[in-house]
């Protein structure tokens, strides 16, 4: 058993935690993209998506910024602003 503990130290277990967080981020990203697809041409604000999809607002902000950087969504500031898909679903 001693060899098992050495090979599987706490540092190596951190990779599992990171992988689980990444899959959660992907799950939230898909939910956000589906919400935007349902909105069709209308922009959706972060708060609307967060409430409708039951997602943490702060985390969703980071996810949408990543999606914007990768060219999947666009954003618009202002009262009638929000996020929308760049391409038809």
C-alpha atoms as a PDB file:
ATOM      1  CA  UNK A   1       0.000   0.000   0.000  1.00  0.00           C
ATOM      2  CA  UNK A   2       2.885   2.369   0.605  1.00  0.00           C
ATOM      3  CA  UNK A   3       3.724   2.492  -3.121  1.00  0.00           C
ATOM      4  CA  UNK A   4       0.143   3.417  -3.911  1.00  0.00           C
ATOM      5  CA  UNK A   5       0.294   6.486  -1.681  1.00  0.00           C
ATOM      6  CA  UNK A   6       3.594   7.605  -3.182  1.00  0.00           C
ATOM      7  CA  UNK A   7       2.463   7.304  -6.787  1.00  0.00           C
ATOM      8  CA  UNK A   8      -0.884   8.939  -6.144  1.00  0.00           C
ATOM      9  CA  UNK A   9       0.125  11.933  -4.084  1.00  0.00           C
ATOM     10  CA  UNK A  10      -2.104  14.887  -3.360  1.00  0.00           C
ATOM     11  CA  UNK A  11      -0.465  16.803  -6.214  1.00  0.00           C
ATOM     12  CA  UNK A  12      -1.488  14.183  -8.762  1.00  0.00           C
ATOM     13  CA  UNK A  13      -5.068  14.184  -7.454  1.00  0.00           C
ATOM     14  CA  UNK A  14      -5.315  17.885  -8.274  1.00  0.00           C
ATOM     15  CA  UNK A  15      -5.610  16.934 -11.929  1.00  0.00           C
ATOM     16  CA  UNK A  16      -8.875  15.108 -11.237  1.00  0.00           C
ATOM     17  CA  UNK A  17     -10.312  18.116  -9.466  1.00  0.00           C
ATOM     18  CA  UNK A  18      -9.316  20.354 -12.394  1.00  0.00           C
ATOM     19  CA  UNK A  19     -10.827  17.923 -14.909  1.00  0.00           C
ATOM     20  CA  UNK A  20     -14.120  17.928 -13.010  1.00  0.00           C
ATOM     21  CA  UNK A  21     -14.151  21.718 -12.963  1.00  0.00           C
ATOM     22  CA  UNK A  22     -13.479  21.837 -16.685  1.00  0.00           C
ATOM     23  CA  UNK A  23     -16.374  19.503 -17.445  1.00  0.00           C
ATOM     24  CA  UNK A  24     -18.656  21.653 -15.258  1.00  0.00           C
ATOM     25  CA  UNK A  25     -17.556  24.725 -17.203  1.00  0.00           C
ATOM     26  CA  UNK A  26     -18.316  22.917 -20.475  1.00  0.00           C
ATOM     27  CA  UNK A  27     -21.743  21.908 -19.176  1.00  0.00           C
ATOM     28  CA  UNK A  28     -22.529  25.520 -18.262  1.00  0.00           C
ATOM     29  CA  UNK A  29     -21.210  26.726 -21.638  1.00  0.00           C
ATOM     30  CA  UNK A  30     -23.542  24.350 -23.495  1.00  0.00           C
ATOM     31  CA  UNK A  31     -26.491  25.483 -21.392  1.00  0.00           C
ATOM     32  CA  UNK A  32     -25.682  29.113 -22.188  1.00  0.00           C
ATOM     33  CA  UNK A  33     -25.308  28.368 -25.911  1.00  0.00           C
ATOM     34  CA  UNK A  34     -28.650  26.529 -25.983  1.00  0.00           C
ATOM     35  CA  UNK A  35     -30.315  29.460 -24.195  1.00  0.00           C
ATOM     36  CA  UNK A  36     -28.896  31.827 -26.814  1.00  0.00           C
ATOM     37  CA  UNK A  37     -30.048  29.509 -29.623  1.00  0.00           C
ATOM     38  CA  UNK A  38     -33.598  29.544 -28.235  1.00  0.00           C
ATOM     39  CA  UNK A  39     -33.513  33.351 -28.140  1.00  0.00           C
ATOM     40  CA  UNK A  40     -32.957  33.381 -31.933  1.00  0.00           C
ATOM     41  CA  UNK A  41     -32.040  36.927 -33.044  1.00  0.00           C
ATOM     42  CA  UNK A  42     -32.707  38.558 -29.698  1.00  0.00           C
ATOM     43  CA  UNK A  43     -29.821  39.227 -27.363  1.00  0.00           C
ATOM     44  CA  UNK A  44     -29.972  37.703 -23.911  1.00  0.00           C
ATOM     45  CA  UNK A  45     -28.484  39.360 -20.865  1.00  0.00           C
ATOM     46  CA  UNK A  46     -26.307  37.399 -18.477  1.00  0.00           C
ATOM     47  CA  UNK A  47     -28.834  37.711 -15.677  1.00  0.00           C
ATOM     48  CA  UNK A  48     -31.613  36.284 -17.879  1.00  0.00           C
ATOM     49  CA  UNK A  49     -29.515  33.284 -18.871  1.00  0.00           C
ATOM     50  CA  UNK A  50     -28.311  32.698 -15.307  1.00  0.00           C
ATOM     51  CA  UNK A  51     -31.850  32.692 -13.906  1.00  0.00           C
ATOM     52  CA  UNK A  52     -33.391  30.624 -16.701  1.00  0.00           C
ATOM     53  CA  UNK A  53     -30.648  27.992 -16.717  1.00  0.00           C
ATOM     54  CA  UNK A  54     -29.919  28.111 -12.962  1.00  0.00           C
ATOM     55  CA  UNK A  55     -26.256  28.986 -13.503  1.00  0.00           C
ATOM     56  CA  UNK A  56     -23.974  31.030 -11.230  1.00  0.00           C
ATOM     57  CA  UNK A  57     -23.926  34.546 -12.712  1.00  0.00           C
ATOM     58  CA  UNK A  58     -20.251  35.312 -12.005  1.00  0.00           C
ATOM     59  CA  UNK A  59     -19.077  32.030 -13.510  1.00  0.00           C
ATOM     60  CA  UNK A  60     -21.367  32.553 -16.498  1.00  0.00           C
ATOM     61  CA  UNK A  61     -19.744  35.944 -17.169  1.00  0.00           C
ATOM     62  CA  UNK A  62     -16.342  34.272 -17.550  1.00  0.00           C
ATOM     63  CA  UNK A  63     -17.763  31.521 -19.727  1.00  0.00           C
ATOM     64  CA  UNK A  64     -19.468  33.980 -22.077  1.00  0.00           C
ATOM     65  CA  UNK A  65     -16.271  36.003 -22.371  1.00  0.00           C
ATOM     66  CA  UNK A  66     -14.419  32.807 -23.353  1.00  0.00           C
ATOM     67  CA  UNK A  67     -17.108  32.014 -25.932  1.00  0.00           C
ATOM     68  CA  UNK A  68     -16.802  35.548 -27.283  1.00  0.00           C
ATOM     69  CA  UNK A  69     -13.005  35.251 -27.572  1.00  0.00           C
ATOM     70  CA  UNK A  70     -13.479  32.021 -29.535  1.00  0.00           C
ATOM     71  CA  UNK A  71     -15.890  33.668 -31.955  1.00  0.00           C
ATOM     72  CA  UNK A  72     -19.053  31.807 -30.941  1.00  0.00           C
ATOM     73  CA  UNK A  73     -21.028  34.700 -29.482  1.00  0.00           C
ATOM     74  CA  UNK A  74     -21.085  38.466 -29.740  1.00  0.00           C
ATOM     75  CA  UNK A  75     -21.998  41.014 -27.118  1.00  0.00           C
ATOM     76  CA  UNK A  76     -23.589  44.409 -27.161  1.00  0.00           C
ATOM     77  CA  UNK A  77     -23.522  46.976 -24.380  1.00  0.00           C
ATOM     78  CA  UNK A  78     -26.384  49.082 -23.191  1.00  0.00           C
ATOM     79  CA  UNK A  79     -29.999  48.829 -22.168  1.00  0.00           C
ATOM     80  CA  UNK A  80     -30.908  46.585 -25.103  1.00  0.00           C
ATOM     81  CA  UNK A  81     -27.583  44.777 -25.076  1.00  0.00           C
ATOM     82  CA  UNK A  82     -26.700  41.234 -24.269  1.00  0.00           C
ATOM     83  CA  UNK A  83     -25.160  38.170 -25.861  1.00  0.00           C
ATOM     84  CA  UNK A  84     -26.206  36.425 -29.065  1.00  0.00           C
ATOM     85  CA  UNK A  85     -24.909  33.617 -31.242  1.00  0.00           C
ATOM     86  CA  UNK A  86     -22.763  34.683 -34.167  1.00  0.00           C
ATOM     87  CA  UNK A  87     -24.009  31.867 -36.410  1.00  0.00           C
ATOM     88  CA  UNK A  88     -27.373  30.199 -36.842  1.00  0.00           C
ATOM     89  CA  UNK A  89     -27.770  27.063 -34.693  1.00  0.00           C
END
